[in-house]
């Protein structure tokens, strides 16, 4: 049976300017698909109330972070404000080898690093807002940022959007449910790629031998 064919997992990246709806789409995908899990990042910042190590982040000190980065144990890393963030290689590699997919919520810089580290495993989706006015409205509606922060996010959005051409797929997120369906379709198609179906050669050999 076809579902017996072993498949290598993939790394699905969702990137967007802040406010385009990427977090909502990521949550919907994780809730609807049991075979994909969120990548857990490494960080040097202290845990916030309610955060659990290994679930929200892996918390390490700056020295440990530097050692891991120097030993090539991180797929990507970045400094955000005063703290470092990165993606540990080992858990991702283990998931992919076991046929499980990993979801990344990272920006274009992190995506470029992932491409250098593991291009064949990567599927990149960029989420665009339907308009600048709608992006601003969504940022204001979230009511978690001051007007000054919203203005900064809007200014940064133009630079982020300029990297859309580095992605395999681009979705204009007008309706979250429709966008979720498109992401599901992309994931289904990418899972069927011949290069990812590592057990296909044996399956075809058995099939031909039985004919």
C-alpha atoms as a PDB file:
ATOM      1  CA  UNK A   1       0.000   0.000   0.000  1.00  0.00           C
ATOM      2  CA  UNK A   2       1.208   3.489  -0.849  1.00  0.00           C
ATOM      3  CA  UNK A   3       1.068   4.735   2.730  1.00  0.00           C
ATOM      4  CA  UNK A   4       3.766   2.211   3.638  1.00  0.00           C
ATOM      5  CA  UNK A   5       6.276   4.218   1.576  1.00  0.00           C
ATOM      6  CA  UNK A   6       8.669   6.015   3.901  1.00  0.00           C
ATOM      7  CA  UNK A   7       8.940   9.751   3.331  1.00  0.00           C
ATOM      8  CA  UNK A   8      11.522  12.257   4.501  1.00  0.00           C
ATOM      9  CA  UNK A   9       9.925  15.152   6.350  1.00  0.00           C
ATOM     10  CA  UNK A  10      10.131  18.737   5.128  1.00  0.00           C
ATOM     11  CA  UNK A  11      10.750  22.147   6.666  1.00  0.00           C
ATOM     12  CA  UNK A  12       7.827  24.490   5.980  1.00  0.00           C
ATOM     13  CA  UNK A  13       8.658  28.172   6.423  1.00  0.00           C
ATOM     14  CA  UNK A  14       5.994  30.842   6.867  1.00  0.00           C
ATOM     15  CA  UNK A  15       7.290  34.416   6.624  1.00  0.00           C
ATOM     16  CA  UNK A  16       5.413  37.713   6.471  1.00  0.00           C
ATOM     17  CA  UNK A  17       5.519  41.287   7.678  1.00  0.00           C
ATOM     18  CA  UNK A  18       4.119  41.685  11.188  1.00  0.00           C
ATOM     19  CA  UNK A  19       0.319  41.813  11.083  1.00  0.00           C
ATOM     20  CA  UNK A  20      -0.219  39.863   7.852  1.00  0.00           C
ATOM     21  CA  UNK A  21      -1.796  36.952   9.759  1.00  0.00           C
ATOM     22  CA  UNK A  22       1.063  34.456   9.753  1.00  0.00           C
ATOM     23  CA  UNK A  23       0.642  33.436  13.418  1.00  0.00           C
ATOM     24  CA  UNK A  24      -3.067  32.677  12.922  1.00  0.00           C
ATOM     25  CA  UNK A  25      -2.291  30.585   9.835  1.00  0.00           C
ATOM     26  CA  UNK A  26       0.471  28.691  11.663  1.00  0.00           C
ATOM     27  CA  UNK A  27      -1.908  27.884  14.546  1.00  0.00           C
ATOM     28  CA  UNK A  28      -4.605  26.671  12.155  1.00  0.00           C
ATOM     29  CA  UNK A  29      -2.135  24.408  10.354  1.00  0.00           C
ATOM     30  CA  UNK A  30      -0.798  22.903  13.602  1.00  0.00           C
ATOM     31  CA  UNK A  31      -4.367  22.289  14.835  1.00  0.00           C
ATOM     32  CA  UNK A  32      -5.467  20.604  11.597  1.00  0.00           C
ATOM     33  CA  UNK A  33      -2.431  18.437  10.789  1.00  0.00           C
ATOM     34  CA  UNK A  34      -0.928  15.934  13.222  1.00  0.00           C
ATOM     35  CA  UNK A  35       2.212  15.317  11.186  1.00  0.00           C
ATOM     36  CA  UNK A  36       3.669  18.811  11.472  1.00  0.00           C
ATOM     37  CA  UNK A  37       5.052  20.414  14.626  1.00  0.00           C
ATOM     38  CA  UNK A  38       6.445  23.840  15.429  1.00  0.00           C
ATOM     39  CA  UNK A  39      10.202  24.251  15.494  1.00  0.00           C
ATOM     40  CA  UNK A  40      11.343  25.131  19.022  1.00  0.00           C
ATOM     41  CA  UNK A  41      13.969  27.879  19.039  1.00  0.00           C
ATOM     42  CA  UNK A  42      16.970  28.309  21.291  1.00  0.00           C
ATOM     43  CA  UNK A  43      17.243  31.662  23.078  1.00  0.00           C
ATOM     44  CA  UNK A  44      19.520  33.453  25.515  1.00  0.00           C
ATOM     45  CA  UNK A  45      16.691  35.513  27.008  1.00  0.00           C
ATOM     46  CA  UNK A  46      15.152  34.576  30.347  1.00  0.00           C
ATOM     47  CA  UNK A  47      11.897  32.592  30.393  1.00  0.00           C
ATOM     48  CA  UNK A  48       8.747  34.700  30.669  1.00  0.00           C
ATOM     49  CA  UNK A  49       6.013  33.700  33.139  1.00  0.00           C
ATOM     50  CA  UNK A  50       4.271  30.542  31.941  1.00  0.00           C
ATOM     51  CA  UNK A  51       6.958  29.577  29.408  1.00  0.00           C
ATOM     52  CA  UNK A  52       8.306  26.026  29.508  1.00  0.00           C
ATOM     53  CA  UNK A  53      11.777  24.996  28.380  1.00  0.00           C
ATOM     54  CA  UNK A  54      11.600  22.596  25.448  1.00  0.00           C
ATOM     55  CA  UNK A  55       8.039  23.669  24.613  1.00  0.00           C
ATOM     56  CA  UNK A  56       8.192  27.428  24.069  1.00  0.00           C
ATOM     57  CA  UNK A  57      11.977  27.746  23.771  1.00  0.00           C
ATOM     58  CA  UNK A  58      15.169  26.033  24.812  1.00  0.00           C
ATOM     59  CA  UNK A  59      16.722  28.488  27.282  1.00  0.00           C
ATOM     60  CA  UNK A  60      20.526  28.681  27.377  1.00  0.00           C
ATOM     61  CA  UNK A  61      23.159  31.231  28.369  1.00  0.00           C
ATOM     62  CA  UNK A  62      25.174  33.219  25.832  1.00  0.00           C
ATOM     63  CA  UNK A  63      28.264  31.013  26.241  1.00  0.00           C
ATOM     64  CA  UNK A  64      26.333  27.802  25.491  1.00  0.00           C
ATOM     65  CA  UNK A  65      24.633  29.500  22.518  1.00  0.00           C
ATOM     66  CA  UNK A  66      28.005  30.565  21.112  1.00  0.00           C
ATOM     67  CA  UNK A  67      29.452  27.067  21.555  1.00  0.00           C
ATOM     68  CA  UNK A  68      26.517  25.502  19.711  1.00  0.00           C
ATOM     69  CA  UNK A  69      26.714  28.023  16.882  1.00  0.00           C
ATOM     70  CA  UNK A  70      30.473  27.500  16.494  1.00  0.00           C
ATOM     71  CA  UNK A  71      29.986  23.716  16.459  1.00  0.00           C
ATOM     72  CA  UNK A  72      27.463  24.054  13.576  1.00  0.00           C
ATOM     73  CA  UNK A  73      24.673  22.762  15.827  1.00  0.00           C
ATOM     74  CA  UNK A  74      22.273  25.532  14.749  1.00  0.00           C
ATOM     75  CA  UNK A  75      20.465  25.654  11.395  1.00  0.00           C
ATOM     76  CA  UNK A  76      20.010  29.428  11.676  1.00  0.00           C
ATOM     77  CA  UNK A  77      20.589  32.131  14.279  1.00  0.00           C
ATOM     78  CA  UNK A  78      19.991  35.835  14.771  1.00  0.00           C
ATOM     79  CA  UNK A  79      20.424  38.571  17.328  1.00  0.00           C
ATOM     80  CA  UNK A  80      17.149  40.331  18.144  1.00  0.00           C
ATOM     81  CA  UNK A  81      17.591  43.387  20.345  1.00  0.00           C
ATOM     82  CA  UNK A  82      19.884  42.113  23.139  1.00  0.00           C
ATOM     83  CA  UNK A  83      19.239  38.391  22.845  1.00  0.00           C
ATOM     84  CA  UNK A  84      20.236  35.572  20.524  1.00  0.00           C
ATOM     85  CA  UNK A  85      17.804  33.149  18.913  1.00  0.00           C
ATOM     86  CA  UNK A  86      18.494  30.050  16.840  1.00  0.00           C
ATOM     87  CA  UNK A  87      17.152  26.726  15.578  1.00  0.00           C
ATOM     88  CA  UNK A  88      18.850  23.623  17.023  1.00  0.00           C
ATOM     89  CA  UNK A  89      19.799  21.231  14.218  1.00  0.00           C
ATOM     90  CA  UNK A  90      19.430  17.868  16.033  1.00  0.00           C
ATOM     91  CA  UNK A  91      15.652  17.849  16.812  1.00  0.00           C
ATOM     92  CA  UNK A  92      14.832  19.051  13.286  1.00  0.00           C
ATOM     93  CA  UNK A  93      17.058  16.420  11.658  1.00  0.00           C
ATOM     94  CA  UNK A  94      15.482  13.711  13.821  1.00  0.00           C
ATOM     95  CA  UNK A  95      11.952  14.790  12.868  1.00  0.00           C
ATOM     96  CA  UNK A  96      12.770  14.894   9.144  1.00  0.00           C
ATOM     97  CA  UNK A  97      14.416  11.458   9.227  1.00  0.00           C
ATOM     98  CA  UNK A  98      11.272  10.064  10.898  1.00  0.00           C
ATOM     99  CA  UNK A  99       9.016  11.501   8.189  1.00  0.00           C
ATOM    100  CA  UNK A 100       7.672  14.335  10.308  1.00  0.00           C
ATOM    101  CA  UNK A 101       7.382  17.909   9.043  1.00  0.00           C
ATOM    102  CA  UNK A 102       8.591  20.968  10.946  1.00  0.00           C
ATOM    103  CA  UNK A 103       7.014  24.429  10.774  1.00  0.00           C
ATOM    104  CA  UNK A 104       9.145  27.578  11.009  1.00  0.00           C
ATOM    105  CA  UNK A 105       7.871  31.061  11.791  1.00  0.00           C
ATOM    106  CA  UNK A 106      10.980  33.054  10.806  1.00  0.00           C
ATOM    107  CA  UNK A 107      11.921  36.099   8.742  1.00  0.00           C
ATOM    108  CA  UNK A 108      13.685  36.264   5.362  1.00  0.00           C
ATOM    109  CA  UNK A 109      17.144  36.337   6.963  1.00  0.00           C
ATOM    110  CA  UNK A 110      16.521  33.124   8.889  1.00  0.00           C
ATOM    111  CA  UNK A 111      15.033  31.588   5.738  1.00  0.00           C
ATOM    112  CA  UNK A 112      18.197  32.383   3.773  1.00  0.00           C
ATOM    113  CA  UNK A 113      20.272  30.623   6.452  1.00  0.00           C
ATOM    114  CA  UNK A 114      17.962  27.591   6.341  1.00  0.00           C
ATOM    115  CA  UNK A 115      18.352  27.466   2.584  1.00  0.00           C
ATOM    116  CA  UNK A 116      22.133  27.364   2.934  1.00  0.00           C
ATOM    117  CA  UNK A 117      21.875  24.642   5.583  1.00  0.00           C
ATOM    118  CA  UNK A 118      19.206  22.379   4.041  1.00  0.00           C
ATOM    119  CA  UNK A 119      17.845  23.609   0.720  1.00  0.00           C
ATOM    120  CA  UNK A 120      16.400  20.250  -0.394  1.00  0.00           C
ATOM    121  CA  UNK A 121      14.214  19.967   2.724  1.00  0.00           C
ATOM    122  CA  UNK A 122      12.860  23.502   2.501  1.00  0.00           C
ATOM    123  CA  UNK A 123       9.426  24.735   1.367  1.00  0.00           C
ATOM    124  CA  UNK A 124       9.057  28.521   1.631  1.00  0.00           C
ATOM    125  CA  UNK A 125       5.746  30.394   1.790  1.00  0.00           C
ATOM    126  CA  UNK A 126       5.489  34.182   2.025  1.00  0.00           C
ATOM    127  CA  UNK A 127       2.270  35.730   3.362  1.00  0.00           C
ATOM    128  CA  UNK A 128       1.271  39.163   2.019  1.00  0.00           C
ATOM    129  CA  UNK A 129      -1.446  41.464   3.382  1.00  0.00           C
ATOM    130  CA  UNK A 130      -4.151  42.434   0.844  1.00  0.00           C
ATOM    131  CA  UNK A 131      -3.255  46.133   1.235  1.00  0.00           C
ATOM    132  CA  UNK A 132      -1.197  48.560   3.331  1.00  0.00           C
ATOM    133  CA  UNK A 133      -4.413  49.916   4.865  1.00  0.00           C
ATOM    134  CA  UNK A 134      -5.492  46.420   5.910  1.00  0.00           C
ATOM    135  CA  UNK A 135      -2.049  45.695   7.390  1.00  0.00           C
ATOM    136  CA  UNK A 136      -2.208  48.871   9.489  1.00  0.00           C
ATOM    137  CA  UNK A 137      -5.771  48.071  10.555  1.00  0.00           C
ATOM    138  CA  UNK A 138      -4.742  44.573  11.711  1.00  0.00           C
ATOM    139  CA  UNK A 139      -1.764  45.960  13.650  1.00  0.00           C
ATOM    140  CA  UNK A 140      -3.991  48.544  15.351  1.00  0.00           C
ATOM    141  CA  UNK A 141      -6.735  45.973  16.060  1.00  0.00           C
ATOM    142  CA  UNK A 142      -4.264  43.731  17.896  1.00  0.00           C
ATOM    143  CA  UNK A 143      -4.033  46.557  20.447  1.00  0.00           C
ATOM    144  CA  UNK A 144      -0.779  45.197  21.826  1.00  0.00           C
ATOM    145  CA  UNK A 145       1.479  47.880  20.369  1.00  0.00           C
ATOM    146  CA  UNK A 146       1.648  51.640  20.783  1.00  0.00           C
ATOM    147  CA  UNK A 147       1.052  53.900  17.770  1.00  0.00           C
ATOM    148  CA  UNK A 148       4.833  54.448  17.604  1.00  0.00           C
ATOM    149  CA  UNK A 149       5.519  50.694  17.438  1.00  0.00           C
ATOM    150  CA  UNK A 150       2.804  50.246  14.785  1.00  0.00           C
ATOM    151  CA  UNK A 151       4.456  52.989  12.702  1.00  0.00           C
ATOM    152  CA  UNK A 152       7.832  51.238  13.037  1.00  0.00           C
ATOM    153  CA  UNK A 153       6.313  47.899  12.016  1.00  0.00           C
ATOM    154  CA  UNK A 154       4.694  49.520   8.981  1.00  0.00           C
ATOM    155  CA  UNK A 155       8.026  51.063   7.962  1.00  0.00           C
ATOM    156  CA  UNK A 156       9.778  47.692   8.345  1.00  0.00           C
ATOM    157  CA  UNK A 157       7.047  45.888   6.363  1.00  0.00           C
ATOM    158  CA  UNK A 158       8.159  47.407   3.060  1.00  0.00           C
ATOM    159  CA  UNK A 159      11.683  45.995   3.450  1.00  0.00           C
ATOM    160  CA  UNK A 160      10.349  42.568   4.493  1.00  0.00           C
ATOM    161  CA  UNK A 161       7.897  42.421   1.575  1.00  0.00           C
ATOM    162  CA  UNK A 162      10.727  43.180  -0.871  1.00  0.00           C
ATOM    163  CA  UNK A 163      12.046  39.641  -0.231  1.00  0.00           C
ATOM    164  CA  UNK A 164       8.883  37.898  -1.498  1.00  0.00           C
ATOM    165  CA  UNK A 165      10.689  36.644  -4.643  1.00  0.00           C
ATOM    166  CA  UNK A 166      13.005  34.463  -2.506  1.00  0.00           C
ATOM    167  CA  UNK A 167      10.025  32.220  -1.631  1.00  0.00           C
ATOM    168  CA  UNK A 168       8.525  29.246  -3.484  1.00  0.00           C
ATOM    169  CA  UNK A 169       4.916  30.282  -2.872  1.00  0.00           C
ATOM    170  CA  UNK A 170       3.256  33.631  -2.159  1.00  0.00           C
ATOM    171  CA  UNK A 171      -0.236  33.939  -0.632  1.00  0.00           C
ATOM    172  CA  UNK A 172      -2.215  37.176  -0.369  1.00  0.00           C
ATOM    173  CA  UNK A 173      -3.988  36.629   2.943  1.00  0.00           C
ATOM    174  CA  UNK A 174      -7.390  38.190   2.381  1.00  0.00           C
ATOM    175  CA  UNK A 175      -9.325  35.408   4.109  1.00  0.00           C
ATOM    176  CA  UNK A 176      -7.604  33.255   6.749  1.00  0.00           C
ATOM    177  CA  UNK A 177      -9.663  30.117   6.026  1.00  0.00           C
ATOM    178  CA  UNK A 178      -8.966  30.315   2.305  1.00  0.00           C
ATOM    179  CA  UNK A 179      -5.250  30.929   2.964  1.00  0.00           C
ATOM    180  CA  UNK A 180      -5.188  27.932   5.327  1.00  0.00           C
ATOM    181  CA  UNK A 181      -6.659  25.729   2.590  1.00  0.00           C
ATOM    182  CA  UNK A 182      -3.956  26.892   0.162  1.00  0.00           C
ATOM    183  CA  UNK A 183      -1.209  26.126   2.698  1.00  0.00           C
ATOM    184  CA  UNK A 184      -2.726  22.656   3.224  1.00  0.00           C
ATOM    185  CA  UNK A 185      -2.733  22.047  -0.534  1.00  0.00           C
ATOM    186  CA  UNK A 186       0.906  23.157  -0.849  1.00  0.00           C
ATOM    187  CA  UNK A 187       1.911  20.855   2.011  1.00  0.00           C
ATOM    188  CA  UNK A 188       0.037  17.878   0.491  1.00  0.00           C
ATOM    189  CA  UNK A 189       1.718  18.385  -2.884  1.00  0.00           C
ATOM    190  CA  UNK A 190       5.205  18.864  -1.422  1.00  0.00           C
ATOM    191  CA  UNK A 191       4.820  15.672   0.628  1.00  0.00           C
ATOM    192  CA  UNK A 192       4.244  13.720  -2.588  1.00  0.00           C
ATOM    193  CA  UNK A 193       7.449  14.902  -4.263  1.00  0.00           C
ATOM    194  CA  UNK A 194       9.331  11.905  -5.565  1.00  0.00           C
ATOM    195  CA  UNK A 195      12.610  13.077  -4.020  1.00  0.00           C
ATOM    196  CA  UNK A 196      11.025  13.078  -0.532  1.00  0.00           C
ATOM    197  CA  UNK A 197       9.550   9.570  -0.836  1.00  0.00           C
ATOM    198  CA  UNK A 198      12.688   7.760   0.244  1.00  0.00           C
ATOM    199  CA  UNK A 199      10.959   4.361   0.342  1.00  0.00           C
ATOM    200  CA  UNK A 200       9.672   4.657  -3.220  1.00  0.00           C
ATOM    201  CA  UNK A 201      12.544   2.738  -4.881  1.00  0.00           C
ATOM    202  CA  UNK A 202      11.925  -0.346  -2.722  1.00  0.00           C
ATOM    203  CA  UNK A 203       8.160  -0.082  -3.179  1.00  0.00           C
ATOM    204  CA  UNK A 204       8.466   0.115  -6.967  1.00  0.00           C
ATOM    205  CA  UNK A 205      10.921  -2.806  -6.990  1.00  0.00           C
ATOM    206  CA  UNK A 206       8.478  -4.956  -4.986  1.00  0.00           C
ATOM    207  CA  UNK A 207       5.629  -3.836  -7.228  1.00  0.00           C
ATOM    208  CA  UNK A 208       7.509  -4.723 -10.418  1.00  0.00           C
ATOM    209  CA  UNK A 209       8.699  -8.042  -8.984  1.00  0.00           C
ATOM    210  CA  UNK A 210       5.105  -9.000  -8.232  1.00  0.00           C
ATOM    211  CA  UNK A 211       3.868  -8.240 -11.766  1.00  0.00           C
END
